[in-house]
Protein backbone atom coordinates (compact mmCIF):
# COMPACT_ATOMS: atom_id res chain seq x y z
CA UNK A 1 0.22 0.12 9.31
CA UNK A 2 1.60 1.75 12.44
CA UNK A 3 -0.97 3.06 14.93
CA UNK A 4 -1.27 6.80 15.40
CA UNK A 5 -4.02 8.65 17.22
CA UNK A 6 -5.95 11.49 15.61
CA UNK A 7 -4.34 13.83 18.15
CA UNK A 8 -0.82 12.70 17.23
CA UNK A 9 -1.48 13.14 13.52
CA UNK A 10 -3.00 16.60 14.02
CA UNK A 11 0.10 17.56 16.00
CA UNK A 12 2.21 16.37 13.07
CA UNK A 13 0.15 18.50 10.69
CA UNK A 14 0.98 21.43 12.93
CA UNK A 15 4.57 21.13 11.69
CA UNK A 16 3.46 21.94 8.13
CA UNK A 17 2.42 25.19 6.47
CA UNK A 18 -1.33 24.51 6.54
CA UNK A 19 -4.18 26.17 8.43
CA UNK A 20 -4.00 25.15 12.08
CA UNK A 21 -7.41 23.58 12.56
CA UNK A 22 -8.52 20.18 13.81
CA UNK A 23 -8.56 17.82 10.82
CA UNK A 24 -10.41 14.56 10.35
CA UNK A 25 -7.83 11.91 9.42
CA UNK A 26 -8.46 8.49 7.90
CA UNK A 27 -5.82 5.83 7.20
CA UNK A 28 -5.35 4.42 3.70
CA UNK A 29 -4.29 0.79 3.83
CA UNK A 30 -3.36 -0.23 0.25
CA UNK A 31 0.34 0.61 0.51
CA UNK A 32 2.78 -2.16 1.40
CA UNK A 33 5.64 0.12 2.50
CA UNK A 34 4.61 3.54 3.84
CA UNK A 35 1.90 4.64 6.29
CA UNK A 36 -0.60 6.88 4.48
CA UNK A 37 -3.44 9.06 5.76
CA UNK A 38 -6.11 11.14 4.01
CA UNK A 39 -6.65 14.52 5.66
CA UNK A 40 -10.13 16.09 5.65
CA UNK A 41 -11.42 19.53 6.48
CA UNK A 42 -14.89 18.43 7.44
CA UNK A 43 -16.01 16.24 4.53
CA UNK A 44 -13.53 17.69 2.01
CA UNK A 45 -10.29 15.73 1.45
CA UNK A 46 -7.37 18.16 1.22
CA UNK A 47 -4.05 16.42 1.78
CA UNK A 48 -2.20 13.13 1.83
CA UNK A 49 0.06 12.67 4.87
CA UNK A 50 2.67 9.91 4.66
CA UNK A 51 5.29 8.44 6.91
CA UNK A 52 8.07 7.39 4.55
CA UNK A 53 9.51 4.04 5.57
CA UNK A 54 13.16 5.03 6.02
CA UNK A 55 14.13 1.41 6.68
CA UNK A 56 13.18 0.63 3.06
CA UNK A 57 14.01 4.02 1.56
CA UNK A 58 17.28 4.72 3.32
CA UNK A 59 18.00 7.92 1.35
CA UNK A 60 14.88 9.93 2.13
CA UNK A 61 16.61 13.21 1.22
CA UNK A 62 17.45 11.84 -2.22
CA UNK A 63 13.96 10.44 -2.62
CA UNK A 64 12.35 13.78 -1.81
CA UNK A 65 14.80 15.57 -4.12
CA UNK A 66 13.73 13.30 -6.98
CA UNK A 67 10.06 14.05 -6.35
CA UNK A 68 10.66 17.80 -6.12
CA UNK A 69 12.64 17.74 -9.37
CA UNK A 70 9.95 15.72 -11.17
CA UNK A 71 7.10 17.96 -9.98
CA UNK A 72 8.69 20.80 -11.97
CA UNK A 73 7.69 18.98 -15.16
CA UNK A 74 4.63 16.98 -14.16
CA UNK A 75 2.01 19.56 -15.04
CA UNK A 76 0.11 19.81 -18.31
CA UNK A 77 -3.38 20.24 -19.73
CA UNK A 78 -3.61 16.44 -19.68
CA UNK A 79 -1.71 15.89 -16.44
CA UNK A 80 -2.96 17.03 -13.02
CA UNK A 81 -0.51 18.73 -10.70
CA UNK A 82 0.26 17.54 -7.17
CA UNK A 83 2.16 19.85 -4.81
CA UNK A 84 4.39 19.12 -1.84
CA UNK A 85 3.42 21.14 1.23
CA UNK A 86 6.54 22.40 3.00
CA UNK A 87 7.11 21.95 6.71
CA UNK A 88 7.58 25.15 8.68
CA UNK A 89 11.31 24.40 8.65
CA UNK A 90 11.31 24.99 4.89
CA UNK A 91 12.63 21.51 4.19
CA UNK A 92 11.06 19.01 1.80
CA UNK A 93 9.70 16.92 4.68
CA UNK A 94 9.49 16.80 8.46
CA UNK A 95 11.63 14.55 10.67
CA UNK A 96 9.96 13.90 14.02
CA UNK A 97 11.84 13.66 17.33
CA UNK A 98 11.39 9.88 17.02
CA UNK A 99 13.26 9.98 13.70
CA UNK A 100 10.24 9.32 11.48
CA UNK A 101 10.09 11.02 8.08
CA UNK A 102 6.78 12.67 7.21
CA UNK A 103 5.64 14.47 4.05
CA UNK A 104 2.44 16.24 3.09
CA UNK A 105 1.01 16.57 -0.42
CA UNK A 106 -2.12 18.06 -1.90
CA UNK A 107 -4.96 15.67 -2.67
CA UNK A 108 -6.90 15.78 -5.95
CA UNK A 109 -10.54 15.89 -4.91
CA UNK A 110 -12.86 13.69 -6.95
CA UNK A 111 -10.08 11.23 -7.73
CA UNK A 112 -10.04 7.48 -7.28
CA UNK A 113 -7.78 4.51 -7.96
CA UNK A 114 -8.34 0.91 -9.02
CA UNK A 115 -6.44 -2.22 -8.04
CA UNK A 116 -7.68 -4.03 -11.15
CA UNK A 117 -10.06 -3.30 -14.01
CA UNK A 118 -12.19 -5.06 -16.59
CA UNK A 119 -12.86 -1.80 -18.47
CA UNK A 120 -10.87 -1.21 -21.67
CA UNK A 121 -11.41 2.55 -21.24
CA UNK A 122 -9.53 2.42 -17.92
CA UNK A 123 -6.79 0.40 -19.63
CA UNK A 124 -6.60 3.01 -22.42
CA UNK A 125 -6.40 5.88 -19.94
CA UNK A 126 -3.70 4.09 -17.95
CA UNK A 127 -1.60 3.75 -21.08
CA UNK A 128 -2.19 7.37 -22.03
CA UNK A 129 -1.20 8.80 -18.64
CA UNK A 130 1.89 6.57 -18.27
CA UNK A 131 3.20 7.63 -21.66
CA UNK A 132 2.29 11.25 -20.81
CA UNK A 133 4.23 10.99 -17.53
CA UNK A 134 7.29 9.64 -19.34
CA UNK A 135 6.92 12.15 -22.16
CA UNK A 136 6.86 15.10 -19.73
CA UNK A 137 9.96 13.81 -17.97
CA UNK A 138 11.95 13.85 -21.22
CA UNK A 139 12.76 17.44 -20.16
CA UNK A 140 14.43 16.21 -16.96
CA UNK A 141 18.18 16.06 -16.50
CA UNK A 142 19.26 12.57 -15.44
CA UNK A 143 22.04 14.10 -13.35
CA UNK A 144 19.45 15.69 -11.05
CA UNK A 145 18.19 12.29 -9.88
CA UNK A 146 19.71 9.85 -7.45
CA UNK A 147 19.08 6.10 -7.30
CA UNK A 148 17.13 5.90 -4.06
CA UNK A 149 17.06 2.09 -4.31
CA UNK A 150 20.22 1.18 -6.22
CA UNK A 151 19.74 -1.63 -8.73
CA UNK A 152 16.01 -1.73 -7.92
CA UNK A 153 15.10 -3.69 -11.07
CA UNK A 154 18.48 -5.34 -11.59
CA UNK A 155 17.79 -9.01 -12.35
CA UNK A 156 21.33 -10.00 -11.31
CA UNK A 157 20.90 -8.40 -7.88
CA UNK A 158 17.55 -10.12 -7.36
CA UNK A 159 19.11 -13.41 -8.43
CA UNK A 160 21.93 -13.00 -5.90
CA UNK A 161 19.47 -12.11 -3.11
CA UNK A 162 17.33 -15.12 -3.98
CA UNK A 163 20.33 -17.48 -3.86
CA UNK A 164 21.40 -16.05 -0.50
CA UNK A 165 17.89 -16.60 0.86
CA UNK A 166 17.97 -20.21 -0.31
CA UNK A 167 21.08 -20.80 1.81
CA UNK A 168 19.55 -19.47 5.03
CA UNK A 169 15.84 -20.33 4.68
CA UNK A 170 14.20 -22.79 7.04
CA UNK A 171 13.92 -26.30 5.51
CA UNK A 172 10.13 -26.31 5.84
CA UNK A 173 9.92 -23.06 3.86
CA UNK A 174 12.11 -24.47 1.11
CA UNK A 175 9.80 -27.47 0.90
CA UNK A 176 6.61 -25.39 0.81
CA UNK A 177 8.10 -23.07 -1.84
CA UNK A 178 9.64 -25.80 -4.00
CA UNK A 179 7.39 -25.12 -7.01
CA UNK A 180 8.19 -21.41 -6.96
CA UNK A 181 11.91 -22.06 -6.56
CA UNK A 182 12.00 -24.34 -9.62
CA UNK A 183 10.13 -21.77 -11.73
CA UNK A 184 12.48 -19.00 -10.54
CA UNK A 185 15.53 -20.84 -11.78
CA UNK A 186 13.92 -21.63 -15.14
CA UNK A 187 12.94 -18.02 -15.89
CA UNK A 188 16.19 -16.56 -14.59
CA UNK A 189 17.96 -18.34 -17.45
CA UNK A 190 15.78 -16.51 -19.98
CA UNK A 191 15.84 -13.06 -18.40
CA UNK A 192 19.51 -12.83 -17.48
CA UNK A 193 20.22 -13.22 -21.21
CA UNK A 194 18.30 -10.01 -22.01
CA UNK A 195 20.51 -7.25 -23.41
CA UNK A 196 19.27 -3.82 -22.31
CA UNK A 197 22.42 -1.87 -23.19
CA UNK A 198 20.94 -0.36 -26.37
CA UNK A 199 18.01 1.13 -24.46
CA UNK A 200 18.14 4.79 -23.40
CA UNK A 201 18.19 5.46 -19.67
CA UNK A 202 15.26 7.65 -18.66
CA UNK A 203 13.67 9.11 -15.53
CA UNK A 204 10.97 6.53 -14.85
CA UNK A 205 8.31 5.91 -12.22
CA UNK A 206 9.49 2.30 -11.72
CA UNK A 207 6.28 1.18 -9.96
CA UNK A 208 3.43 1.82 -12.41
CA UNK A 209 0.92 -0.69 -11.09
CA UNK A 210 -2.66 0.33 -11.82
CA UNK A 211 -3.43 1.56 -8.31
CA UNK A 212 -0.61 4.11 -8.60
CA UNK A 213 -2.71 6.00 -11.14
CA UNK A 214 -5.41 8.48 -10.12
CA UNK A 215 -8.57 8.64 -12.21
CA UNK A 216 -11.45 11.10 -12.21
CA UNK A 217 -14.26 9.51 -10.24
CA UNK A 218 -16.77 11.22 -12.55
CA UNK A 219 -15.29 10.62 -16.02
CA UNK A 220 -12.68 7.86 -15.44
CA UNK A 221 -10.10 10.03 -17.20
CA UNK A 222 -6.60 9.32 -15.87
CA UNK A 223 -5.26 12.34 -13.97
CA UNK A 224 -1.71 11.57 -12.84
CA UNK A 225 0.62 9.02 -11.26
CA UNK A 226 1.16 8.83 -7.51
CA UNK A 227 3.60 7.10 -5.12
CA UNK A 228 6.75 8.51 -6.68
CA UNK A 229 9.15 7.04 -4.11
CA UNK A 230 10.73 4.81 -6.76
CA UNK A 231 11.06 7.62 -9.30
CA UNK A 232 14.64 7.46 -10.55
CA UNK A 233 16.68 6.44 -13.57
CA UNK A 234 15.59 3.32 -15.41
CA UNK A 235 14.31 1.86 -18.66
CA UNK A 236 10.83 2.49 -20.04
CA UNK A 237 10.17 -1.25 -20.26
CA UNK A 238 10.06 -1.21 -16.42
CA UNK A 239 7.08 1.17 -16.46
CA UNK A 240 5.53 -0.73 -19.36
CA UNK A 241 5.85 -4.15 -17.78
CA UNK A 242 4.63 -3.13 -14.35
CA UNK A 243 1.52 -1.61 -15.89
CA UNK A 244 0.77 -4.67 -18.01
CA UNK A 245 0.98 -7.02 -15.03
CA UNK A 246 -1.83 -5.13 -13.23
CA UNK A 247 -3.91 -4.05 -16.23
CA UNK A 248 -4.02 -7.14 -18.47
CA UNK A 249 -4.62 -9.28 -15.37
CA UNK A 250 -7.90 -8.80 -13.49
CA UNK A 251 -6.89 -10.86 -10.43
CA UNK A 252 -5.40 -9.57 -7.18
CA UNK A 253 -1.63 -9.66 -6.77
CA UNK A 254 -1.83 -12.44 -4.17
CA UNK A 255 -4.74 -14.34 -5.76
CA UNK A 256 -4.60 -17.97 -4.67
CA UNK A 257 -7.05 -19.26 -7.29
CA UNK A 258 -4.82 -19.19 -10.37
CA UNK A 259 -7.78 -19.89 -12.65
CA UNK A 260 -8.69 -16.25 -12.08
CA UNK A 261 -5.32 -15.02 -13.35
CA UNK A 262 -5.57 -14.16 -17.04
CA UNK A 263 -3.80 -12.30 -19.80
CA UNK A 264 -6.69 -10.26 -21.17
CA UNK A 265 -5.99 -9.31 -24.78
CA UNK A 266 -8.70 -6.63 -24.95
CA UNK A 267 -7.28 -4.87 -21.90
CA UNK A 268 -3.74 -5.22 -23.24
CA UNK A 269 -4.69 -3.69 -26.59
CA UNK A 270 -6.61 -0.90 -24.87
CA UNK A 271 -3.49 -0.13 -22.85
CA UNK A 272 -1.30 -0.08 -25.97
CA UNK A 273 -3.79 2.22 -27.75
CA UNK A 274 -3.52 4.65 -24.83
CA UNK A 275 0.24 4.37 -24.76
CA UNK A 276 0.36 5.28 -28.45
CA UNK A 277 -1.15 8.72 -27.76
CA UNK A 278 2.14 10.01 -26.26
CA UNK A 279 4.67 7.44 -27.50
CA UNK A 280 6.71 9.54 -29.94
CA UNK A 281 9.66 9.62 -27.49
CA UNK A 282 10.17 5.85 -27.72
CA UNK A 283 13.08 4.52 -29.76
CA UNK A 284 12.95 1.48 -32.05
CA UNK A 285 15.01 -0.71 -29.66
CA UNK A 286 12.68 0.25 -26.80
CA UNK A 287 9.58 -0.70 -28.78
CA UNK A 288 11.11 -4.02 -29.80
CA UNK A 289 11.98 -4.89 -26.19
CA UNK A 290 8.64 -3.96 -24.59
CA UNK A 291 7.11 -7.47 -24.65
CA UNK A 292 9.92 -8.71 -22.45
CA UNK A 293 9.10 -5.95 -19.97
CA UNK A 294 5.74 -7.68 -19.45
CA UNK A 295 7.65 -10.84 -18.49
CA UNK A 296 10.44 -9.18 -16.52
CA UNK A 297 8.36 -7.03 -14.17
CA UNK A 298 5.93 -9.61 -12.77
CA UNK A 299 8.88 -11.97 -12.42
CA UNK A 300 10.95 -9.37 -10.53
CA UNK A 301 8.07 -8.71 -8.15
CA UNK A 302 7.60 -12.44 -7.80
CA UNK A 303 11.24 -13.21 -6.99
CA UNK A 304 11.33 -10.34 -4.47
CA UNK A 305 8.18 -11.66 -2.74
CA UNK A 306 9.58 -15.20 -2.74
CA UNK A 307 12.92 -14.00 -1.37
CA UNK A 308 11.13 -12.05 1.36
CA UNK A 309 9.09 -15.15 2.24
CA UNK A 310 12.28 -17.19 2.55
CA UNK A 311 13.78 -14.39 4.69
CA UNK A 312 10.77 -14.44 7.07
CA UNK A 313 8.87 -11.43 5.67
CA UNK A 314 11.22 -8.59 6.55
CA UNK A 315 10.38 -6.25 3.64
CA UNK A 316 6.70 -6.40 2.66
CA UNK A 317 3.83 -6.07 5.07
CA UNK A 318 1.92 -9.35 5.34
CA UNK A 319 -1.50 -10.20 6.77
CA UNK A 320 -0.65 -13.89 7.18
CA UNK A 321 2.51 -16.01 7.20
CA UNK A 322 2.44 -17.28 3.60
CA UNK A 323 1.14 -14.14 1.90
CA UNK A 324 4.48 -13.39 0.25
CA UNK A 325 4.57 -16.91 -1.15
CA UNK A 326 1.02 -16.46 -2.49
CA UNK A 327 2.11 -13.17 -4.07
CA UNK A 328 5.05 -14.90 -5.67
CA UNK A 329 3.03 -17.80 -7.07
CA UNK A 330 0.39 -15.43 -8.44
CA UNK A 331 3.01 -13.20 -10.06
CA UNK A 332 4.80 -16.20 -11.49
CA UNK A 333 1.54 -17.49 -12.97
CA UNK A 334 1.14 -14.21 -14.84
CA UNK A 335 4.82 -14.29 -15.81
CA UNK A 336 4.18 -17.63 -17.52
CA UNK A 337 1.11 -16.26 -19.27
CA UNK A 338 3.14 -13.28 -20.51
CA UNK A 339 5.79 -15.68 -21.81
CA UNK A 340 3.05 -17.56 -23.65
CA UNK A 341 1.95 -14.29 -25.30
CA UNK A 342 5.33 -12.94 -26.40
CA UNK A 343 4.62 -13.31 -30.13
CA UNK A 344 1.16 -11.82 -29.72
CA UNK A 345 2.52 -8.80 -27.82
CA UNK A 346 5.19 -8.25 -30.44
CA UNK A 347 2.57 -8.15 -33.21
CA UNK A 348 0.26 -5.76 -31.38
CA UNK A 349 3.06 -3.43 -30.31
CA UNK A 350 4.56 -3.37 -33.81
CA UNK A 351 1.19 -2.49 -35.34
CA UNK A 352 0.27 0.22 -32.85
CA UNK A 353 3.57 1.82 -31.81
CA UNK A 354 5.93 1.52 -34.79
């Protein structure tokens, strides 16, 4: 995370339509892309301030347009509303003299997030809120949304980027990553054969890992989804698969002890039960393809982490040199476990969603 003083951040807040007082500001460190700060008035958290990484999200205007469009629909008795706070310029976000892009949003007091869970009630609530999110966005017009990261989940693009990285990577990195490289090539053969053409294109979150869901700290009821930077057109199996990889697995994304990486059937079934609450929008082809989403999404994250490792860590923030490789190996371990459970997932999904 970039370093900003409390004074600098308070001066930034002065560019937004909020009371001009001195705020207490604390950094949040979970995000891999943006810089995020929680803004307090005394002991009360009021806002989330973020510097959008415009080197990753090159179309910040389009990104903010997508979020503004989605917020029109993301409000319901079972879905908590988040509001963008306008800068004094009236734009969707503030661009500093240094060229940094900043946005301010309301914070839901009493909310919390989890990186992993062992609680089937949390898994259920995650499924319920993800299907609610997608159900609410059925009202959205696809033409109102731009692809802020074109081909974000395109397996062919990720394959091409991986092959390019192989050509330029340092020999020692290729040797260290040999196991991951072999697995990548094996799974690419399976996933590039997937036919997604029958699936409807929807407005999706595209990054529904568990810690992008807010829960009530008091009741553990899911409240809403956050981090909407990747909100754009896509297939529902993207949202499904990304959720499964962080809900059915209780290990951290870069867990080095692969004995801790599991495919927890109770958590998976809890998630599917929650999904079923708001799943009437899903088509038969979508339901039939969902198990492969649980293979595709951890693999896509894994190949991106591996590619970034081979490219000397230019995309994801890392705390140590081989962290992207550890992420990749962990994600690939879960990918294999999802492959091992394809038949099981098909049976559960057919019983609960058809």
